[in-house]
Amino acid sequence: MIMSSHPGKTHLPPPLDLSLWSKLPAVLMTLGGVLCVAGAGFSLVEFGFSWLLAFMFYLSLALGALFLVLVHHLTDAGWSVGIRRFCEHLASLLFPWLAVLFLPVLLLSPKIYHWLTLPASDELIRARWPVFTCAGFVVVSALFFGVWWLLTSRLRYWSLRQDVTGDALCTRKLRFHSGWGIVAFAATLTGASVFWMQSVQYQSFSAMYGVYFFSNCAWIALATVYVIAALLQRQRVLSDLLSENYFYFIGVLFFAFTVFSAYTEFAQYFVVWNANMPEETFWYLIRENRAWWCLSLILIFGKFFVPFFVMLPVQAKSNLKIMIPICLWAWLMQFGDLAFNILPALPGWHFPLKLLWLPLGCLMFMGGFLGWVFVNKFKSHPPYPQKDPRLLEALGFHHLDCEEVSGAAPTNGGQR
């Protein structure tokens, strides 16, 4: 016998009218495209750095969504069934869409990565040969996207096949690919963060950099998942699956990665400061000048203290009026944090407001394009896994044991 015990069902406000919002991707692509073309004509170097910044922003979001999918299968979680499908859509943006958006970075790589134009006699370049060569840059980048394509395509294939057949083989395959995938995910995420972002200043190195980037990927993905889940619940798309508990669980993870992200960034700074070696401290010395110092203070308070204290009360994590602004604030802080890592490598760039239109233009164009792709993917398939073995649990049903059916007192804490 199956009984419903879905907690946290609340009365939902009327659905939103999103008819005008359907044009938003086209508007963003148009406005962003104009700014991108103007920026490329203004300076290819500044356009290249701005494009890389926007690319890393959306890459971090897609990688974070892939991590959530992998964790879902590896832990056999029931609560995350409702968010699994759109997390799969976000993760599938890695290939081919983000691979296509990487092409301008590839074409402008000699203007972005100074080490591509340096002679092989440089000691740091020679120590990283053959990776730090033009051929090495292409091959390693292709390897990252190849691994992401294989992983996301297999997860997506077996997930959609599960909707049709409901075969246990699909579940086993999803767990198998998640098993090797979590290792490949860790390796490629670390490599991409070092190879594409940290190497804009190739003299710097840090054992914490990959962990730092991973924490930010999960952090921004959880913020995005919270917003999408709230919207889909409001529109009655996932209202049967998404209870108040769902938002509490996502909020707890978001809160945890807020702390973890702050820890990784502080740990990296503390190790460099404590060692006090010129070949390491130069990275932070550059960022203690002019507007970068102001941005660093904004990130310290805006990325950690503000969300930490706002989300500290238990009730706040499931309060949409509190959490939605915090999630949107997280997008802004993630953009600022990536800018803090990438743009100081551009000679003469001190983050003047008059030049912010170029990174924002790149961000708008990619956001419009990837948003259009995501919406089409979401419309083309069921909004949640139809035959996931944990679907009944996600819907709030549970099986009654023999004692409960016979009228005896339940021994497992179940509801009668």
Protein backbone atom coordinates (compact mmCIF):
# COMPACT_ATOMS: atom_id res chain seq x y z
CA MET A 1 0.00 0.00 0.00
CA ILE A 2 1.24 3.47 -0.84
CA MET A 3 0.35 6.55 1.14
CA SER A 4 1.10 10.18 0.52
CA SER A 5 3.03 12.11 3.11
CA HIS A 6 4.35 15.00 1.12
CA PRO A 7 5.44 17.70 3.58
CA GLY A 8 5.58 21.38 3.00
CA LYS A 9 2.77 21.77 0.45
CA THR A 10 1.76 25.41 0.46
CA HIS A 11 -0.71 27.52 -1.45
CA LEU A 12 0.99 28.95 -4.51
CA PRO A 13 0.35 32.42 -5.92
CA PRO A 14 -1.02 32.66 -9.47
CA PRO A 15 1.39 31.77 -12.30
CA LEU A 16 3.37 34.59 -13.84
CA ASP A 17 2.68 35.91 -17.31
CA LEU A 18 5.93 35.11 -19.14
CA SER A 19 4.77 35.99 -22.64
CA LEU A 20 6.99 39.07 -22.84
CA TRP A 21 9.94 37.26 -21.28
CA SER A 22 10.04 34.82 -24.20
CA LYS A 23 11.68 37.57 -26.24
CA LEU A 24 14.42 38.17 -23.67
CA PRO A 25 17.03 35.79 -25.20
CA ALA A 26 16.71 37.47 -28.60
CA VAL A 27 16.97 40.92 -27.03
CA LEU A 28 20.06 39.93 -25.03
CA MET A 29 21.73 38.38 -28.07
CA THR A 30 21.02 41.47 -30.18
CA LEU A 31 22.19 44.05 -27.66
CA GLY A 32 25.11 41.92 -26.53
CA GLY A 33 26.12 41.18 -30.11
CA VAL A 34 26.24 44.89 -30.94
CA LEU A 35 28.41 45.59 -27.90
CA CYS A 36 30.67 42.64 -28.73
CA VAL A 37 31.22 43.83 -32.30
CA ALA A 38 31.91 47.36 -31.06
CA GLY A 39 34.33 45.99 -28.47
CA ALA A 40 36.17 43.85 -31.02
CA GLY A 41 36.60 46.91 -33.20
CA PHE A 42 37.72 48.97 -30.23
CA SER A 43 40.39 46.53 -28.99
CA LEU A 44 40.82 42.83 -29.72
CA VAL A 45 42.86 42.40 -26.55
CA GLU A 46 40.18 43.84 -24.26
CA PHE A 47 37.49 41.98 -26.19
CA GLY A 48 39.39 38.71 -25.72
CA PHE A 49 39.68 39.18 -21.96
CA SER A 50 36.03 40.21 -21.70
CA TRP A 51 34.91 37.21 -23.75
CA LEU A 52 36.99 34.89 -21.56
CA LEU A 53 35.40 36.38 -18.44
CA ALA A 54 31.86 35.78 -19.72
CA PHE A 55 32.79 32.30 -20.94
CA MET A 56 34.20 31.28 -17.55
CA PHE A 57 31.04 32.57 -15.86
CA TYR A 58 28.76 30.27 -17.86
CA LEU A 59 31.28 27.44 -17.79
CA SER A 60 31.24 27.54 -13.98
CA LEU A 61 27.44 27.34 -14.03
CA ALA A 62 27.35 24.35 -16.40
CA LEU A 63 30.08 22.49 -14.50
CA GLY A 64 28.29 23.11 -11.22
CA ALA A 65 25.08 21.66 -12.66
CA LEU A 66 27.01 18.62 -13.89
CA PHE A 67 28.34 18.12 -10.36
CA LEU A 68 24.79 18.13 -8.96
CA VAL A 69 23.72 15.48 -11.47
CA LEU A 70 26.70 13.28 -10.61
CA VAL A 71 26.06 13.59 -6.88
CA HIS A 72 22.38 12.72 -7.41
CA HIS A 73 23.26 9.38 -9.02
CA LEU A 74 26.19 8.56 -6.76
CA THR A 75 24.19 9.08 -3.56
CA ASP A 76 20.92 7.65 -4.92
CA ALA A 77 19.17 10.74 -3.58
CA GLY A 78 15.41 10.99 -3.61
CA TRP A 79 14.88 14.67 -2.86
CA SER A 80 16.85 15.83 -5.94
CA VAL A 81 14.73 13.95 -8.49
CA GLY A 82 12.69 17.09 -9.15
CA ILE A 83 15.69 19.22 -10.11
CA ARG A 84 17.62 16.51 -11.95
CA ARG A 85 16.20 17.06 -15.43
CA PHE A 86 16.89 20.78 -15.75
CA CYS A 87 20.30 20.26 -14.16
CA GLU A 88 20.97 17.81 -16.98
CA HIS A 89 19.95 20.46 -19.50
CA LEU A 90 22.31 22.98 -17.87
CA ALA A 91 25.16 20.45 -17.88
CA SER A 92 24.56 19.58 -21.54
CA LEU A 93 25.38 23.19 -22.45
CA LEU A 94 29.04 22.18 -22.08
CA PHE A 95 29.00 20.56 -25.50
CA PRO A 96 28.59 21.67 -28.20
CA TRP A 97 27.33 25.11 -27.17
CA LEU A 98 30.05 26.26 -24.78
CA ALA A 99 32.61 24.59 -27.04
CA VAL A 100 31.41 26.85 -29.86
CA LEU A 101 31.58 29.89 -27.58
CA PHE A 102 35.16 28.92 -26.73
CA LEU A 103 36.28 29.47 -30.35
CA PRO A 104 36.88 33.24 -29.91
CA VAL A 105 39.10 32.43 -26.91
CA LEU A 106 40.99 29.96 -29.08
CA LEU A 107 41.40 32.43 -31.93
CA LEU A 108 42.47 35.27 -29.64
CA SER A 109 44.58 33.09 -27.35
CA PRO A 110 47.91 34.78 -28.33
CA LYS A 111 46.44 38.10 -27.19
CA ILE A 112 45.02 36.67 -23.96
CA TYR A 113 47.75 34.27 -22.87
CA HIS A 114 51.10 36.02 -22.88
CA TRP A 115 53.01 32.74 -22.62
CA LEU A 116 51.98 31.75 -26.15
CA THR A 117 54.19 34.53 -27.52
CA LEU A 118 57.20 33.97 -25.26
CA PRO A 119 60.30 32.06 -26.36
CA ALA A 120 60.81 28.52 -25.11
CA SER A 121 63.92 29.69 -23.26
CA ASP A 122 61.71 31.07 -20.49
CA GLU A 123 62.19 28.77 -17.50
CA LEU A 124 58.52 28.61 -16.52
CA ILE A 125 57.46 27.97 -20.12
CA ARG A 126 60.06 25.25 -20.53
CA ALA A 127 58.94 23.57 -17.30
CA ARG A 128 55.39 23.28 -18.69
CA TRP A 129 56.30 22.12 -22.16
CA PRO A 130 54.59 20.80 -24.29
CA VAL A 131 51.32 21.97 -22.72
CA PHE A 132 52.31 25.65 -22.88
CA THR A 133 52.50 25.72 -26.69
CA CYS A 134 49.99 26.61 -29.38
CA ALA A 135 49.48 22.94 -30.26
CA GLY A 136 49.30 22.01 -26.59
CA PHE A 137 46.67 24.68 -25.93
CA VAL A 138 44.43 23.32 -28.71
CA VAL A 139 44.88 19.66 -27.79
CA VAL A 140 44.34 20.11 -24.05
CA SER A 141 41.28 22.32 -24.60
CA ALA A 142 39.83 19.75 -27.00
CA LEU A 143 40.48 17.04 -24.41
CA PHE A 144 38.48 18.93 -21.77
CA PHE A 145 35.48 19.36 -24.07
CA GLY A 146 35.78 15.77 -25.26
CA VAL A 147 35.51 14.42 -21.72
CA TRP A 148 32.57 16.70 -20.95
CA TRP A 149 30.82 15.67 -24.16
CA LEU A 150 31.25 11.97 -23.40
CA LEU A 151 30.07 12.33 -19.82
CA THR A 152 27.06 14.61 -20.40
CA SER A 153 25.92 12.74 -23.53
CA ARG A 154 25.93 9.37 -21.74
CA LEU A 155 24.11 10.76 -18.71
CA ARG A 156 21.56 12.47 -20.91
CA TYR A 157 21.07 9.41 -23.14
CA TRP A 158 20.38 6.99 -20.31
CA SER A 159 18.23 9.52 -18.46
CA LEU A 160 15.92 10.03 -21.44
CA ARG A 161 15.86 6.31 -22.15
CA GLN A 162 14.81 5.71 -18.56
CA ASP A 163 11.76 7.88 -19.26
CA VAL A 164 10.70 5.45 -21.99
CA THR A 165 11.60 2.01 -20.63
CA GLY A 166 12.00 2.44 -16.89
CA ASP A 167 14.53 -0.39 -17.09
CA ALA A 168 16.85 -0.93 -14.13
CA LEU A 169 19.70 -1.03 -16.66
CA CYS A 170 19.29 2.72 -17.15
CA THR A 171 19.76 3.35 -13.45
CA ARG A 172 22.84 1.13 -13.34
CA LYS A 173 24.34 2.88 -16.38
CA LEU A 174 23.71 6.30 -14.86
CA ARG A 175 25.50 5.25 -11.69
CA PHE A 176 28.36 3.69 -13.67
CA HIS A 177 28.96 6.84 -15.73
CA SER A 178 28.70 8.97 -12.59
CA GLY A 179 31.34 6.78 -10.95
CA TRP A 180 34.09 7.37 -13.47
CA GLY A 181 32.60 10.76 -14.30
CA ILE A 182 33.18 12.29 -10.87
CA VAL A 183 36.91 11.53 -11.20
CA ALA A 184 37.06 12.90 -14.74
CA PHE A 185 35.01 15.90 -13.63
CA ALA A 186 37.48 16.76 -10.87
CA ALA A 187 40.48 16.41 -13.18
CA THR A 188 39.05 18.42 -16.09
CA LEU A 189 37.57 21.15 -13.90
CA THR A 190 40.91 21.64 -12.16
CA GLY A 191 42.78 21.61 -15.46
CA ALA A 192 40.38 24.06 -17.12
CA SER A 193 40.53 26.52 -14.24
CA VAL A 194 44.33 26.52 -14.24
CA PHE A 195 44.78 26.35 -18.00
CA TRP A 196 42.18 28.90 -19.07
CA MET A 197 41.93 31.27 -16.12
CA GLN A 198 44.93 31.15 -13.81
CA SER A 199 47.39 31.02 -16.73
CA VAL A 200 46.46 34.54 -17.86
CA GLN A 201 49.23 35.28 -15.37
CA TYR A 202 51.26 32.14 -15.96
CA GLN A 203 53.86 33.00 -13.31
CA SER A 204 51.35 32.32 -10.53
CA PHE A 205 50.57 28.86 -9.18
CA SER A 206 48.43 27.54 -6.37
CA ALA A 207 47.49 24.08 -5.15
CA MET A 208 44.12 25.51 -4.00
CA TYR A 209 43.06 27.00 -7.32
CA GLY A 210 41.14 23.99 -8.61
CA VAL A 211 39.30 23.54 -5.30
CA TYR A 212 38.52 27.25 -5.24
CA PHE A 213 37.02 27.13 -8.74
CA PHE A 214 35.05 23.98 -7.93
CA SER A 215 33.48 25.60 -4.86
CA ASN A 216 32.44 28.58 -6.96
CA CYS A 217 30.97 26.31 -9.65
CA ALA A 218 28.79 24.48 -7.14
CA TRP A 219 27.89 27.76 -5.43
CA ILE A 220 26.64 29.54 -8.54
CA ALA A 221 24.90 26.39 -9.81
CA LEU A 222 22.94 26.02 -6.57
CA ALA A 223 21.88 29.68 -6.74
CA THR A 224 20.68 29.16 -10.31
CA VAL A 225 18.91 25.90 -9.46
CA TYR A 226 17.08 27.64 -6.61
CA VAL A 227 15.78 30.36 -8.95
CA ILE A 228 14.74 27.93 -11.70
CA ALA A 229 13.04 25.62 -9.20
CA ALA A 230 11.09 28.53 -7.69
CA LEU A 231 9.97 29.64 -11.15
CA LEU A 232 8.90 26.14 -12.22
CA GLN A 233 6.96 25.67 -9.00
CA ARG A 234 5.22 29.03 -9.46
CA GLN A 235 4.26 28.07 -13.03
CA ARG A 236 2.85 24.71 -11.81
CA VAL A 237 5.38 22.80 -13.93
CA LEU A 238 6.98 21.02 -10.96
CA SER A 239 4.49 21.93 -8.26
CA ASP A 240 3.77 18.25 -7.50
CA LEU A 241 7.45 17.56 -6.89
CA LEU A 242 8.83 20.72 -5.35
CA SER A 243 7.72 21.11 -1.76
CA GLU A 244 9.03 23.56 0.80
CA ASN A 245 11.56 20.91 1.84
CA TYR A 246 13.15 21.05 -1.60
CA PHE A 247 13.99 24.71 -1.20
CA TYR A 248 15.29 24.09 2.28
CA PHE A 249 17.64 21.37 1.03
CA ILE A 250 18.92 23.52 -1.84
CA GLY A 251 19.28 26.45 0.54
CA VAL A 252 21.30 24.37 3.00
CA LEU A 253 23.69 23.29 0.23
CA PHE A 254 23.93 26.87 -1.01
CA PHE A 255 24.73 28.02 2.52
CA ALA A 256 27.35 25.27 2.91
CA PHE A 257 29.12 26.19 -0.32
CA THR A 258 29.03 29.86 0.70
CA VAL A 259 31.19 28.90 3.66
CA PHE A 260 33.32 26.46 1.67
CA SER A 261 34.00 28.98 -1.09
CA ALA A 262 35.07 31.59 1.47
CA TYR A 263 37.32 29.03 3.13
CA THR A 264 39.09 28.07 -0.12
CA GLU A 265 39.75 31.69 -1.06
CA PHE A 266 40.99 32.58 2.42
CA ALA A 267 43.16 29.44 2.60
CA GLN A 268 44.81 30.32 -0.69
CA TYR A 269 45.48 33.88 0.46
CA PHE A 270 46.74 32.77 3.88
CA VAL A 271 49.23 30.30 2.43
CA VAL A 272 50.65 32.91 0.03
CA TRP A 273 50.76 35.59 2.73
CA ASN A 274 52.40 33.26 5.25
CA ALA A 275 55.10 32.11 2.80
CA ASN A 276 55.75 35.71 1.68
CA MET A 277 57.59 34.66 -1.50
CA PRO A 278 57.79 37.30 -4.26
CA GLU A 279 57.01 34.74 -7.01
CA GLU A 280 53.67 34.12 -5.29
CA THR A 281 52.73 37.41 -3.64
CA PHE A 282 52.86 39.42 -6.89
CA TRP A 283 49.40 38.08 -7.80
CA TYR A 284 47.82 39.70 -4.75
CA LEU A 285 49.99 42.84 -4.88
CA ILE A 286 48.57 43.67 -8.31
CA ARG A 287 45.06 43.33 -6.89
CA GLU A 288 45.75 45.67 -3.97
CA ASN A 289 45.94 48.70 -6.24
CA ARG A 290 43.25 51.16 -7.30
CA ALA A 291 39.78 49.78 -8.00
CA TRP A 292 40.88 46.17 -7.48
CA TRP A 293 41.26 46.84 -3.76
CA CYS A 294 37.68 48.11 -3.61
CA LEU A 295 36.48 45.06 -5.53
CA SER A 296 38.31 42.73 -3.15
CA LEU A 297 36.51 44.30 -0.18
CA ILE A 298 33.18 44.06 -1.98
CA LEU A 299 33.81 40.35 -2.57
CA ILE A 300 34.80 39.72 1.05
CA PHE A 301 31.60 41.22 2.40
CA GLY A 302 29.27 40.58 -0.53
CA LYS A 303 30.25 37.02 -1.31
CA PHE A 304 30.51 35.71 2.23
CA PHE A 305 29.25 37.91 5.06
CA VAL A 306 26.04 39.12 3.40
CA PRO A 307 24.73 35.71 2.23
CA PHE A 308 26.08 33.98 5.35
CA PHE A 309 24.19 36.11 7.86
CA VAL A 310 21.06 36.38 5.69
CA MET A 311 20.80 32.60 5.29
CA LEU A 312 21.86 31.75 8.84
CA PRO A 313 18.29 31.48 10.25
CA VAL A 314 16.68 28.12 9.48
CA GLN A 315 13.49 29.67 8.09
CA ALA A 316 15.38 31.90 5.67
CA LYS A 317 16.55 29.01 3.49
CA SER A 318 13.02 28.20 2.34
CA ASN A 319 11.76 31.79 2.19
CA LEU A 320 11.66 32.72 -1.48
CA LYS A 321 11.42 36.44 -0.76
CA ILE A 322 14.79 36.22 0.97
CA MET A 323 16.51 33.58 -1.12
CA ILE A 324 15.71 34.79 -4.65
CA PRO A 325 17.46 38.18 -4.13
CA ILE A 326 20.40 36.40 -2.51
CA CYS A 327 20.68 34.02 -5.49
CA LEU A 328 20.62 36.94 -7.93
CA TRP A 329 23.21 38.67 -5.77
CA ALA A 330 25.35 35.52 -6.03
CA TRP A 331 25.42 35.88 -9.84
CA LEU A 332 26.80 39.39 -9.46
CA MET A 333 29.40 38.27 -6.92
CA GLN A 334 30.45 35.36 -9.14
CA PHE A 335 30.97 37.73 -12.06
CA GLY A 336 32.98 40.08 -9.85
CA ASP A 337 35.09 37.23 -8.48
CA LEU A 338 35.97 35.95 -11.95
CA ALA A 339 36.78 39.50 -13.05
CA PHE A 340 39.08 39.78 -10.03
CA ASN A 341 40.95 36.71 -11.30
CA ILE A 342 41.09 37.51 -15.03
CA LEU A 343 41.05 41.21 -15.80
CA PRO A 344 44.07 42.40 -13.73
CA ALA A 345 46.24 40.45 -16.18
CA LEU A 346 45.21 42.93 -18.88
CA PRO A 347 47.84 45.69 -18.92
CA GLY A 348 46.44 49.08 -18.00
CA TRP A 349 43.00 47.76 -17.00
CA HIS A 350 41.99 49.09 -13.61
CA PHE A 351 38.33 48.13 -13.82
CA PRO A 352 37.04 51.56 -14.88
CA LEU A 353 33.27 51.80 -15.07
CA LYS A 354 33.46 53.31 -18.55
CA LEU A 355 34.78 50.00 -19.91
CA LEU A 356 32.34 47.70 -18.12
CA TRP A 357 30.07 47.71 -21.15
CA LEU A 358 32.38 45.29 -22.96
CA PRO A 359 32.34 42.42 -20.39
CA LEU A 360 28.63 43.01 -19.85
CA GLY A 361 28.03 42.87 -23.61
CA CYS A 362 29.77 39.50 -23.81
CA LEU A 363 27.81 38.30 -20.77
CA MET A 364 24.52 39.39 -22.35
CA PHE A 365 25.23 37.74 -25.70
CA MET A 366 26.25 34.41 -24.20
CA GLY A 367 23.41 34.53 -21.68
CA GLY A 368 20.83 35.13 -24.38
CA PHE A 369 22.23 32.37 -26.57
CA LEU A 370 22.59 29.77 -23.83
CA GLY A 371 19.22 30.74 -22.33
CA TRP A 372 17.56 30.15 -25.70
CA VAL A 373 19.23 26.74 -25.99
CA PHE A 374 18.24 25.80 -22.44
CA VAL A 375 14.58 26.76 -22.91
CA ASN A 376 14.36 24.72 -26.12
CA LYS A 377 15.94 21.71 -24.40
CA PHE A 378 13.51 22.02 -21.50
CA LYS A 379 10.48 22.21 -23.80
CA SER A 380 11.60 19.19 -25.83
CA HIS A 381 11.53 16.69 -22.96
CA PRO A 382 9.48 15.90 -19.84
CA PRO A 383 10.21 18.41 -17.07
CA TYR A 384 11.26 15.71 -14.62
CA PRO A 385 12.41 12.05 -14.84
CA GLN A 386 9.28 10.04 -15.51
CA LYS A 387 10.46 6.63 -14.28
CA ASP A 388 13.20 7.38 -11.81
CA PRO A 389 13.20 4.68 -9.10
CA ARG A 390 13.04 7.43 -6.47
CA LEU A 391 10.14 9.28 -8.11
CA LEU A 392 7.50 8.09 -5.64
CA GLU A 393 9.73 9.17 -2.79
CA ALA A 394 10.16 12.56 -4.44
CA LEU A 395 6.39 12.86 -4.84
CA GLY A 396 5.97 12.23 -1.13
CA PHE A 397 4.66 8.66 -1.19
CA HIS A 398 5.90 5.84 0.98
CA HIS A 399 5.11 2.16 1.33
CA LEU A 400 3.32 1.00 4.45
CA ASP A 401 4.74 -2.06 6.13
CA CYS A 402 2.68 -4.99 7.44
CA GLU A 403 2.33 -3.56 10.95
CA GLU A 404 0.95 -0.27 9.66
CA VAL A 405 -1.55 -2.06 7.40
CA SER A 406 -2.71 -4.28 10.28
CA GLY A 407 -3.22 -1.28 12.51
CA ALA A 408 -0.26 -1.79 14.80
CA ALA A 409 1.79 1.16 15.95
CA PRO A 410 4.37 2.08 13.29
CA THR A 411 7.92 1.26 14.25
CA ASN A 412 9.76 3.27 11.60
CA GLY A 413 8.36 6.70 12.23
CA GLY A 414 6.11 6.54 9.18
CA GLN A 415 2.78 8.34 8.96
CA ARG A 416 -0.39 6.29 9.18
